PDB file of N, CA and C in Angstrom:
ATOM      1  N   MET A   1       0.851  -1.191   0.000  1.00  0.00           N
ATOM      2  CA  MET A   1       0.000   0.000   0.000  1.00  0.00           C
ATOM      3  C   MET A   1       0.890   1.244   0.000  1.00  0.00           C
ATOM      4  N   LYS A   2       0.635   2.119  -0.949  1.00  0.00           N
ATOM      5  CA  LYS A   2       1.466   3.319  -1.077  1.00  0.00           C
ATOM      6  C   LYS A   2       0.709   4.530  -0.536  1.00  0.00           C
ATOM      7  N   ILE A   3       1.298   5.169   0.452  1.00  0.00           N
ATOM      8  CA  ILE A   3       0.706   6.395   0.998  1.00  0.00           C
ATOM      9  C   ILE A   3       1.568   7.560   0.540  1.00  0.00           C
ATOM     10  N   SER A   4       0.927   8.543  -0.042  1.00  0.00           N
ATOM     11  CA  SER A   4       1.693   9.702  -0.496  1.00  0.00           C
ATOM     12  C   SER A   4       2.164  10.505   0.714  1.00  0.00           C
ATOM     13  N   VAL A   5       3.216  11.265   0.517  1.00  0.00           N
ATOM     14  CA  VAL A   5       3.775  12.082   1.599  1.00  0.00           C
ATOM     15  C   VAL A   5       2.729  13.081   2.084  1.00  0.00           C
ATOM     16  N   TRP A   6       1.934  13.623   1.138  1.00  0.00           N
ATOM     17  CA  TRP A   6       0.902  14.605   1.475  1.00  0.00           C
ATOM     18  C   TRP A   6      -0.128  14.004   2.428  1.00  0.00           C
ATOM     19  N   ASN A   7      -0.614  12.791   2.076  1.00  0.00           N
ATOM     20  CA  ASN A   7      -1.598  12.129   2.934  1.00  0.00           C
ATOM     21  C   ASN A   7      -1.002  11.807   4.294  1.00  0.00           C
ATOM     22  N   PHE A   8       0.233  11.342   4.294  1.00  0.00           N
ATOM     23  CA  PHE A   8       0.910  11.009   5.550  1.00  0.00           C
ATOM     24  C   PHE A   8       1.004  12.258   6.438  1.00  0.00           C
ATOM     25  N   GLY A   9       1.369  13.381   5.825  1.00  0.00           N
ATOM     26  CA  GLY A   9       1.468  14.645   6.553  1.00  0.00           C
ATOM     27  C   GLY A   9       0.132  15.046   7.152  1.00  0.00           C
ATOM     28  N   LYS A  10      -0.942  14.859   6.368  1.00  0.00           N
ATOM     29  CA  LYS A  10      -2.275  15.204   6.859  1.00  0.00           C
ATOM     30  C   LYS A  10      -2.656  14.334   8.049  1.00  0.00           C
ATOM     31  N   ILE A  11      -2.338  13.039   7.958  1.00  0.00           N
ATOM     32  CA  ILE A  11      -2.663  12.111   9.046  1.00  0.00           C
ATOM     33  C   ILE A  11      -1.907  12.510  10.312  1.00  0.00           C
ATOM     34  N   VAL A  12      -0.620  12.790  10.162  1.00  0.00           N
ATOM     35  CA  VAL A  12       0.207  13.174  11.312  1.00  0.00           C
ATOM     36  C   VAL A  12      -0.332  14.450  11.942  1.00  0.00           C
ATOM     37  N   LEU A  13      -0.670  15.431  11.107  1.00  0.00           N
ATOM     38  CA  LEU A  13      -1.194  16.698  11.623  1.00  0.00           C
ATOM     39  C   LEU A  13      -2.502  16.471  12.366  1.00  0.00           C
ATOM     40  N   ARG A  14      -3.368  15.644  11.780  1.00  0.00           N
ATOM     41  CA  ARG A  14      -4.664  15.402  12.398  1.00  0.00           C
ATOM     42  C   ARG A  14      -4.468  14.757  13.768  1.00  0.00           C
ATOM     43  N   ARG A  15      -3.558  13.791  13.833  1.00  0.00           N
ATOM     44  CA  ARG A  15      -3.286  13.113  15.109  1.00  0.00           C
ATOM     45  C   ARG A  15      -2.750  14.102  16.127  1.00  0.00           C
ATOM     46  N   ARG A  16      -1.839  14.943  15.685  1.00  0.00           N
ATOM     47  CA  ARG A  16      -1.230  15.906  16.599  1.00  0.00           C
ATOM     48  C   ARG A  16      -2.292  16.869  17.120  1.00  0.00           C
ATOM     49  N   PHE A  17      -3.164  17.330  16.216  1.00  0.00           N
ATOM     50  CA  PHE A  17      -4.194  18.280  16.629  1.00  0.00           C
ATOM     51  C   PHE A  17      -5.195  17.635  17.576  1.00  0.00           C
ATOM     52  N   SER A  18      -5.546  16.364  17.311  1.00  0.00           N
ATOM     53  CA  SER A  18      -6.497  15.698  18.198  1.00  0.00           C
ATOM     54  C   SER A  18      -5.870  15.519  19.575  1.00  0.00           C
ATOM     55  N   ALA A  19      -4.578  15.210  19.615  1.00  0.00           N
ATOM     56  CA  ALA A  19      -3.882  15.069  20.893  1.00  0.00           C
ATOM     57  C   ALA A  19      -3.869  16.412  21.616  1.00  0.00           C
ATOM     58  N   PHE A  20      -3.634  17.493  20.864  1.00  0.00           N
ATOM     59  CA  PHE A  20      -3.621  18.832  21.442  1.00  0.00           C
ATOM     60  C   PHE A  20      -5.002  19.163  21.999  1.00  0.00           C
ATOM     61  N   GLY A  21      -6.043  18.800  21.246  1.00  0.00           N
ATOM     62  CA  GLY A  21      -7.415  19.047  21.686  1.00  0.00           C
ATOM     63  C   GLY A  21      -7.729  18.314  22.975  1.00  0.00           C
ATOM     64  N   ILE A  22      -7.263  17.066  23.060  1.00  0.00           N
ATOM     65  CA  ILE A  22      -7.491  16.270  24.265  1.00  0.00           C
ATOM     66  C   ILE A  22      -6.799  16.931  25.452  1.00  0.00           C
ATOM     67  N   LYS A  23      -5.562  17.359  25.231  1.00  0.00           N
ATOM     68  CA  LYS A  23      -4.789  18.002  26.298  1.00  0.00           C
ATOM     69  C   LYS A  23      -5.506  19.275  26.756  1.00  0.00           C
ATOM     70  N   LYS A  24      -6.025  20.033  25.787  1.00  0.00           N
ATOM     71  CA  LYS A  24      -6.698  21.290  26.089  1.00  0.00           C
ATOM     72  C   LYS A  24      -7.946  21.041  26.939  1.00  0.00           C
ATOM     73  N   THR A  25      -8.763  20.061  26.536  1.00  0.00           N
ATOM     74  CA  THR A  25      -9.979  19.780  27.294  1.00  0.00           C
ATOM     75  C   THR A  25      -9.625  19.261  28.683  1.00  0.00           C
ATOM     76  N   PHE A  26      -8.539  18.482  28.762  1.00  0.00           N
ATOM     77  CA  PHE A  26      -8.096  17.946  30.053  1.00  0.00           C
ATOM     78  C   PHE A  26      -7.730  19.091  30.995  1.00  0.00           C
ATOM     79  N   ILE A  27      -6.980  20.070  30.466  1.00  0.00           N
ATOM     80  CA  ILE A  27      -6.576  21.230  31.268  1.00  0.00           C
ATOM     81  C   ILE A  27      -7.811  22.018  31.689  1.00  0.00           C
ATOM     82  N   ASN A  28      -8.764  22.181  30.751  1.00  0.00           N
ATOM     83  CA  ASN A  28      -9.994  22.909  31.064  1.00  0.00           C
ATOM     84  C   ASN A  28     -10.766  22.213  32.179  1.00  0.00           C
ATOM     85  N   GLN A  29     -10.814  20.871  32.117  1.00  0.00           N
ATOM     86  CA  GLN A  29     -11.521  20.111  33.149  1.00  0.00           C
ATOM     87  C   GLN A  29     -10.870  20.315  34.504  1.00  0.00           C
ATOM     88  N   ILE A  30      -9.543  20.294  34.527  1.00  0.00           N
ATOM     89  CA  ILE A  30      -8.811  20.499  35.784  1.00  0.00           C
ATOM     90  C   ILE A  30      -9.119  21.884  36.344  1.00  0.00           C
ATOM     91  N   LEU A  31      -9.096  22.904  35.464  1.00  0.00           N
ATOM     92  CA  LEU A  31      -9.364  24.271  35.913  1.00  0.00           C
ATOM     93  C   LEU A  31     -10.784  24.391  36.454  1.00  0.00           C
ATOM     94  N   ARG A  32     -11.738  23.743  35.764  1.00  0.00           N
ATOM     95  CA  ARG A  32     -13.131  23.798  36.187  1.00  0.00           C
ATOM     96  C   ARG A  32     -13.281  23.131  37.556  1.00  0.00           C
ATOM     97  N   PHE A  33     -12.605  21.989  37.710  1.00  0.00           N
ATOM     98  CA  PHE A  33     -12.654  21.246  38.970  1.00  0.00           C
ATOM     99  C   PHE A  33     -12.094  22.097  40.111  1.00  0.00           C
ATOM    100  N   LYS A  34     -10.971  22.762  39.826  1.00  0.00           N
ATOM    101  CA  LYS A  34     -10.331  23.645  40.805  1.00  0.00           C
ATOM    102  C   LYS A  34     -11.307  24.756  41.214  1.00  0.00           C
ATOM    103  N   GLN A  35     -11.974  25.338  40.213  1.00  0.00           N
ATOM    104  CA  GLN A  35     -12.929  26.415  40.455  1.00  0.00           C
ATOM    105  C   GLN A  35     -14.066  25.924  41.351  1.00  0.00           C
ATOM    106  N   GLN A  36     -14.571  24.710  41.047  1.00  0.00           N
ATOM    107  CA  GLN A  36     -15.651  24.138  41.853  1.00  0.00           C
ATOM    108  C   GLN A  36     -15.199  23.927  43.290  1.00  0.00           C
ATOM    109  N   LEU A  37     -13.975  23.416  43.450  1.00  0.00           N
ATOM    110  CA  LEU A  37     -13.445  23.195  44.803  1.00  0.00           C
ATOM    111  C   LEU A  37     -13.370  24.514  45.565  1.00  0.00           C
ATOM    112  N   LEU A  38     -12.910  25.570  44.875  1.00  0.00           N
ATOM    113  CA  LEU A  38     -12.803  26.880  45.521  1.00  0.00           C
ATOM    114  C   LEU A  38     -14.180  27.386  45.927  1.00  0.00           C
ATOM    115  N   GLU A  39     -15.175  27.180  45.039  1.00  0.00           N
ATOM    116  CA  GLU A  39     -16.534  27.625  45.346  1.00  0.00           C
ATOM    117  C   GLU A  39     -17.084  26.862  46.539  1.00  0.00           C
ATOM    118  N   ILE A  40     -16.855  25.544  46.565  1.00  0.00           N
ATOM    119  CA  ILE A  40     -17.327  24.714  47.679  1.00  0.00           C
ATOM    120  C   ILE A  40     -16.660  25.173  48.975  1.00  0.00           C
ATOM    121  N   ALA A  41     -15.346  25.419  48.915  1.00  0.00           N
ATOM    122  CA  ALA A  41     -14.601  25.871  50.090  1.00  0.00           C
ATOM    123  C   ALA A  41     -15.160  27.212  50.564  1.00  0.00           C
ATOM    124  N   GLY A  42     -15.449  28.102  49.622  1.00  0.00           N
ATOM    125  CA  GLY A  42     -15.999  29.407  49.961  1.00  0.00           C
ATOM    126  C   GLY A  42     -17.371  29.285  50.601  1.00  0.00           C
ATOM    127  N   LEU A  43     -18.199  28.380  50.061  1.00  0.00           N
ATOM    128  CA  LEU A  43     -19.543  28.176  50.603  1.00  0.00           C
ATOM    129  C   LEU A  43     -19.479  27.632  52.018  1.00  0.00           C
ATOM    130  N   SER A  44     -18.642  26.617  52.222  1.00  0.00           N
ATOM    131  CA  SER A  44     -18.538  26.016  53.559  1.00  0.00           C
ATOM    132  C   SER A  44     -18.010  27.049  54.550  1.00  0.00           C
ATOM    133  N   ARG A  45     -17.115  27.915  54.081  1.00  0.00           N
ATOM    134  CA  ARG A  45     -16.561  28.948  54.953  1.00  0.00           C
ATOM    135  C   ARG A  45     -17.663  29.932  55.345  1.00  0.00           C
ATOM    136  N   SER A  46     -18.483  30.338  54.369  1.00  0.00           N
ATOM    137  CA  SER A  46     -19.547  31.302  54.653  1.00  0.00           C
ATOM    138  C   SER A  46     -20.609  30.661  55.549  1.00  0.00           C
ATOM    139  N   VAL A  47     -20.856  29.358  55.344  1.00  0.00           N
ATOM    140  CA  VAL A  47     -21.826  28.656  56.197  1.00  0.00           C
ATOM    141  C   VAL A  47     -21.299  28.596  57.627  1.00  0.00           C
ATOM    142  N   LYS A  48     -20.014  28.264  57.784  1.00  0.00           N
ATOM    143  CA  LYS A  48     -19.390  28.218  59.115  1.00  0.00           C
ATOM    144  C   LYS A  48     -19.466  29.601  59.766  1.00  0.00           C
ATOM    145  N   GLY A  49     -19.215  30.633  58.955  1.00  0.00           N
ATOM    146  CA  GLY A  49     -19.266  31.996  59.476  1.00  0.00           C
ATOM    147  C   GLY A  49     -20.667  32.341  59.955  1.00  0.00           C
ATOM    148  N   ALA A  50     -21.679  31.881  59.209  1.00  0.00           N
ATOM    149  CA  ALA A  50     -23.066  32.156  59.573  1.00  0.00           C
ATOM    150  C   ALA A  50     -23.419  31.456  60.881  1.00  0.00           C
ATOM    151  N   PHE A  51     -22.930  30.227  61.050  1.00  0.00           N
ATOM    152  CA  PHE A  51     -23.202  29.490  62.284  1.00  0.00           C
ATOM    153  C   PHE A  51     -22.454  30.106  63.469  1.00  0.00           C
ATOM    154  N   ALA A  52     -21.239  30.578  63.187  1.00  0.00           N
ATOM    155  CA  ALA A  52     -20.404  31.128  64.253  1.00  0.00           C
ATOM    156  C   ALA A  52     -20.991  32.432  64.785  1.00  0.00           C
ATOM    157  N   SER A  53     -21.565  33.237  63.890  1.00  0.00           N
ATOM    158  CA  SER A  53     -22.071  34.545  64.308  1.00  0.00           C
ATOM    159  C   SER A  53     -23.361  34.440  65.112  1.00  0.00           C
TER     160      SER A  53
END
């Protein structure tokens, strides 16, 4: 089976971009998770403050 250099280049680029996309979504998920944790921490802190007062 003969694959032209052009097709091979396209395949490699597509793979690289899909890997980049996966990495990007992974980072976004981590950031979102971090944000949620901060919000939860903030809520529990405000609830504790309300009980303390």
